[in-house]
Amino acid sequence: MDILGIDIGGSSLKGAIVDMQTGSLKTAVHRIPTPQDRKPEGIVNAVTQMVSYFDHKGPVGCGFPTIVKKGICKHEGNLHLDWVEKDIDHLFESATGLEFSVINDADAAGLAEINFGAGKDLDGFVLMITIGTGLGSGAYLRGELIPNFELGQIPYKEFEKIEQWAASSIKTEEGLSYQEWGERFNTFLEYVQKILNPDTIIIGGGISNDWNKFKDHLKIKVPLIPAELRNDSGILGAALAAYLKYAR
């Protein structure tokens, strides 16, 4: 069965048709810039454009970059405050006429890694950390998703949330070296280790492609492994969420 997976990020929306039999992308990834104001109307329009681009008629899975509970946005994250308490599923379904399954974007990426990638043979308590505009996190106990772990929201020093100091977007903004940024990211991981003590942490997001450039600056005791699916994980996991909800 083919499902459209959409990954909404701070800089762009990415989408592709996923072959659920193989757990792989059936098309090339299509990108649409995230509207600068990040308000509901613009993002709904971008999602509609994505559906039209692929001329898709079936279920759609969507990774959304903040807390989602039963389809409702519970925090603005790096989007606009207007999103809070909006029924995301309903907005997207009304605009496209298709069934949507919307989950947190890091939860989606982790679902893909747990089922198709680096975590498929792991047991116990596994965390997925996605590094990008912010710090996303997904939690999995014996392969089952525990939704809405927002570890990037941990307060740190003068910052409202630690992702404002340790996300890879900050590395770019401040021109940090991999060592300088890696030491900041390691501080974040030390908090994660102290609070949750997971069995394994999978590191994903765009900067995970540069794993060898910063891995030696990560000193925590929990085993760290890079994601295997790289930038495709959000799309694959979103499609898998829709498959689990609608297609079985």
Protein backbone atom coordinates (compact mmCIF):
# COMPACT_ATOMS: atom_id res chain seq x y z
CA MET A 1 0.00 0.00 0.00
CA ASP A 2 1.21 3.51 -0.85
CA ILE A 3 0.86 6.35 1.67
CA LEU A 4 1.95 9.97 1.40
CA GLY A 5 4.32 10.95 4.20
CA ILE A 6 4.85 14.63 5.01
CA ASP A 7 7.47 15.98 7.41
CA ILE A 8 6.83 19.58 8.51
CA GLY A 9 10.00 21.32 9.63
CA GLY A 10 11.07 24.80 10.62
CA SER A 11 12.57 25.52 7.19
CA SER A 12 10.62 23.27 4.83
CA LEU A 13 7.93 20.66 4.34
CA LYS A 14 9.22 17.44 2.81
CA GLY A 15 7.00 14.82 1.27
CA ALA A 16 7.17 11.54 -0.66
CA ILE A 17 5.06 8.50 -1.45
CA VAL A 18 6.06 5.56 0.75
CA ASP A 19 5.73 1.90 -0.20
CA MET A 20 4.56 0.34 3.05
CA GLN A 21 5.42 -3.17 1.91
CA THR A 22 9.11 -2.33 1.72
CA GLY A 23 9.32 0.64 4.09
CA SER A 24 11.04 2.73 1.43
CA LEU A 25 10.36 5.88 -0.55
CA LYS A 26 8.65 5.24 -3.86
CA THR A 27 9.22 8.75 -5.19
CA ALA A 28 11.80 11.49 -4.91
CA VAL A 29 11.36 13.87 -1.97
CA HIS A 30 9.51 17.08 -2.79
CA ARG A 31 10.19 20.20 -0.72
CA ILE A 32 8.07 23.28 -0.07
CA PRO A 33 9.46 26.17 2.03
CA THR A 34 7.76 26.57 5.40
CA PRO A 35 5.87 29.89 5.37
CA GLN A 36 7.90 32.50 7.25
CA ASP A 37 5.09 33.42 9.64
CA ARG A 38 4.50 29.69 10.43
CA LYS A 39 0.80 30.39 10.97
CA PRO A 40 -1.93 27.78 10.37
CA GLU A 41 -3.25 29.19 7.10
CA GLY A 42 0.10 29.16 5.34
CA ILE A 43 1.08 25.70 6.51
CA VAL A 44 -2.35 24.29 5.59
CA ASN A 45 -1.87 25.75 2.10
CA ALA A 46 1.60 24.19 1.87
CA VAL A 47 0.23 20.77 2.90
CA THR A 48 -2.49 21.11 0.26
CA GLN A 49 0.17 21.91 -2.34
CA MET A 50 2.10 18.80 -1.30
CA VAL A 51 -0.97 16.57 -1.71
CA SER A 52 -1.68 18.13 -5.13
CA TYR A 53 1.91 17.70 -6.27
CA PHE A 54 1.72 13.95 -5.76
CA ASP A 55 -1.93 13.75 -6.89
CA HIS A 56 -2.45 11.53 -3.85
CA LYS A 57 -5.90 10.14 -3.02
CA GLY A 58 -5.30 7.90 0.02
CA PRO A 59 -4.32 8.32 3.70
CA VAL A 60 -1.63 10.85 4.62
CA GLY A 61 0.78 10.71 7.54
CA CYS A 62 2.23 13.96 8.81
CA GLY A 63 5.04 14.70 11.25
CA PHE A 64 4.35 17.96 13.07
CA PRO A 65 7.07 19.90 14.96
CA THR A 66 5.48 20.19 18.39
CA ILE A 67 3.25 18.40 20.92
CA VAL A 68 0.23 16.68 19.33
CA LYS A 69 -2.44 14.97 21.47
CA LYS A 70 -5.29 13.24 19.65
CA GLY A 71 -4.72 15.49 16.66
CA ILE A 72 -4.70 18.72 18.71
CA CYS A 73 -1.68 21.05 18.87
CA LYS A 74 -0.83 21.58 22.55
CA HIS A 75 2.18 23.91 22.22
CA GLU A 76 3.41 26.27 19.52
CA GLY A 77 6.98 24.91 19.60
CA ASN A 78 8.85 26.72 16.83
CA LEU A 79 5.60 27.57 15.03
CA HIS A 80 3.16 30.44 15.65
CA LEU A 81 1.11 30.79 18.82
CA ASP A 82 -2.07 30.60 16.69
CA TRP A 83 -1.52 26.83 16.42
CA VAL A 84 -2.24 26.16 20.09
CA GLU A 85 -5.44 24.08 20.55
CA LYS A 86 -6.00 23.83 16.80
CA ASP A 87 -7.30 20.47 15.55
CA ILE A 88 -4.52 19.75 13.07
CA ASP A 89 -6.11 16.60 11.68
CA HIS A 90 -9.34 18.48 11.00
CA LEU A 91 -7.60 21.45 9.34
CA PHE A 92 -5.64 19.24 6.96
CA GLU A 93 -8.57 16.91 6.25
CA SER A 94 -10.93 19.81 5.52
CA ALA A 95 -8.42 21.37 3.12
CA THR A 96 -7.57 18.17 1.23
CA GLY A 97 -10.55 15.82 1.64
CA LEU A 98 -8.14 13.07 2.75
CA GLU A 99 -7.65 11.18 6.02
CA PHE A 100 -4.69 12.47 8.04
CA SER A 101 -2.71 11.00 10.90
CA VAL A 102 -0.65 13.78 12.52
CA ILE A 103 1.98 12.99 15.15
CA ASN A 104 5.00 14.74 16.63
CA ASP A 105 7.82 14.88 14.07
CA ALA A 106 10.45 13.29 16.33
CA ASP A 107 7.98 10.55 17.25
CA ALA A 108 7.57 9.93 13.52
CA ALA A 109 11.31 9.82 12.86
CA GLY A 110 11.77 7.39 15.72
CA LEU A 111 8.95 5.14 14.50
CA ALA A 112 10.80 4.81 11.22
CA GLU A 113 14.15 4.07 12.87
CA ILE A 114 12.62 1.55 15.30
CA ASN A 115 10.81 -0.32 12.53
CA PHE A 116 13.08 0.09 9.50
CA GLY A 117 16.40 1.55 10.60
CA ALA A 118 18.98 1.76 13.38
CA GLY A 119 16.58 0.68 16.13
CA LYS A 120 14.96 -2.36 14.55
CA ASP A 121 17.01 -4.83 16.59
CA LEU A 122 17.11 -2.80 19.81
CA ASP A 123 15.24 -3.73 22.98
CA GLY A 124 14.43 -1.84 26.16
CA PHE A 125 13.99 1.92 26.47
CA VAL A 126 15.21 3.76 23.37
CA LEU A 127 15.24 7.50 22.72
CA MET A 128 15.41 9.17 19.33
CA ILE A 129 16.85 12.71 19.35
CA THR A 130 16.40 14.76 16.18
CA ILE A 131 18.64 17.80 15.79
CA GLY A 132 17.57 20.68 13.57
CA THR A 133 15.79 23.97 14.13
CA GLY A 134 15.12 22.60 17.62
CA LEU A 135 15.81 19.39 19.54
CA GLY A 136 13.08 16.83 18.95
CA SER A 137 12.76 13.62 20.93
CA GLY A 138 10.84 10.37 20.66
CA ALA A 139 10.64 7.61 23.27
CA TYR A 140 10.08 3.89 22.66
CA LEU A 141 9.70 1.11 25.23
CA ARG A 142 10.18 -2.37 23.75
CA GLY A 143 9.35 -0.92 20.34
CA GLU A 144 6.15 0.87 21.41
CA LEU A 145 5.92 4.65 21.09
CA ILE A 146 5.51 6.75 24.25
CA PRO A 147 4.32 10.00 22.61
CA ASN A 148 5.26 13.62 23.19
CA PHE A 149 8.58 13.52 24.99
CA GLU A 150 9.66 17.16 24.47
CA LEU A 151 13.16 17.06 25.93
CA GLY A 152 14.28 20.11 23.95
CA GLN A 153 11.96 22.14 26.20
CA ILE A 154 14.14 21.61 29.31
CA PRO A 155 15.01 25.08 30.71
CA TYR A 156 18.72 25.88 30.73
CA LYS A 157 20.41 28.87 32.40
CA GLU A 158 18.98 32.08 30.91
CA PHE A 159 17.29 30.19 28.06
CA GLU A 160 13.60 29.33 28.12
CA LYS A 161 14.49 25.97 26.60
CA ILE A 162 17.80 24.22 26.01
CA GLU A 163 17.22 23.84 22.26
CA GLN A 164 17.74 27.63 22.01
CA TRP A 165 21.36 26.93 23.02
CA ALA A 166 22.12 23.45 21.66
CA ALA A 167 20.17 22.84 18.43
CA SER A 168 22.13 22.59 15.17
CA SER A 169 20.41 25.78 13.97
CA ILE A 170 22.31 27.57 16.77
CA LYS A 171 25.57 26.09 15.50
CA THR A 172 24.86 27.74 12.16
CA GLU A 173 23.64 31.05 13.62
CA GLU A 174 26.64 31.46 15.93
CA GLY A 175 29.25 29.94 13.61
CA LEU A 176 30.24 27.31 16.16
CA SER A 177 32.79 24.62 15.39
CA TYR A 178 31.75 20.98 15.65
CA GLN A 179 33.67 20.76 18.93
CA GLU A 180 31.98 23.87 20.38
CA TRP A 181 28.54 22.73 19.34
CA GLY A 182 29.21 19.09 20.25
CA GLU A 183 30.06 20.11 23.81
CA ARG A 184 26.75 21.98 24.06
CA PHE A 185 24.84 19.01 22.67
CA ASN A 186 26.64 16.75 25.13
CA THR A 187 25.39 18.95 27.99
CA PHE A 188 21.86 18.36 26.75
CA LEU A 189 22.49 14.61 26.56
CA GLU A 190 23.81 14.64 30.14
CA TYR A 191 20.45 16.00 31.29
CA VAL A 192 18.65 13.32 29.26
CA GLN A 193 20.83 10.60 30.79
CA LYS A 194 20.30 11.88 34.32
CA ILE A 195 16.52 12.21 33.97
CA LEU A 196 15.65 9.12 31.91
CA ASN A 197 18.68 6.79 31.76
CA PRO A 198 17.66 5.15 28.46
CA ASP A 199 19.27 1.98 27.14
CA THR A 200 20.18 3.56 23.79
CA ILE A 201 19.92 6.97 22.12
CA ILE A 202 19.58 7.25 18.34
CA ILE A 203 20.80 10.58 16.94
CA GLY A 204 18.99 11.88 13.86
CA GLY A 205 18.27 15.07 11.96
CA GLY A 206 20.25 16.72 9.19
CA ILE A 207 23.45 17.13 11.21
CA SER A 208 23.54 13.38 11.89
CA ASN A 209 24.98 13.12 8.38
CA ASP A 210 28.12 14.67 9.95
CA TRP A 211 28.22 12.15 12.81
CA ASN A 212 31.97 11.53 12.49
CA LYS A 213 32.68 15.24 12.92
CA PHE A 214 31.15 15.55 16.38
CA LYS A 215 30.72 12.07 17.89
CA ASP A 216 34.03 12.24 19.78
CA HIS A 217 32.74 15.26 21.73
CA LEU A 218 29.80 13.28 23.14
CA LYS A 219 30.89 11.78 26.46
CA ILE A 220 27.79 10.30 28.11
CA LYS A 221 27.68 6.64 29.16
CA VAL A 222 24.48 5.72 27.32
CA PRO A 223 25.24 4.07 23.94
CA LEU A 224 24.78 6.55 21.06
CA ILE A 225 24.18 5.46 17.48
CA PRO A 226 23.48 7.55 14.36
CA ALA A 227 20.16 7.19 12.58
CA GLU A 228 20.32 5.09 9.42
CA LEU A 229 17.42 6.62 7.51
CA ARG A 230 18.79 10.16 7.75
CA ASN A 231 16.53 12.85 6.29
CA ASP A 232 13.95 10.29 5.11
CA SER A 233 13.03 9.13 8.61
CA GLY A 234 10.38 11.79 9.25
CA ILE A 235 8.58 10.99 6.00
CA LEU A 236 8.78 7.22 6.53
CA GLY A 237 7.61 7.44 10.13
CA ALA A 238 4.70 9.75 9.30
CA ALA A 239 3.53 7.33 6.62
CA LEU A 240 3.90 4.42 9.05
CA ALA A 241 1.74 6.26 11.62
CA ALA A 242 -1.00 6.63 9.01
CA TYR A 243 -0.66 2.99 8.03
CA LEU A 244 -1.01 1.87 11.65
CA LYS A 245 -4.08 4.09 12.09
CA TYR A 246 -6.00 3.58 8.86
CA ALA A 247 -4.67 0.80 6.71
CA ARG A 248 -4.51 -2.30 8.88
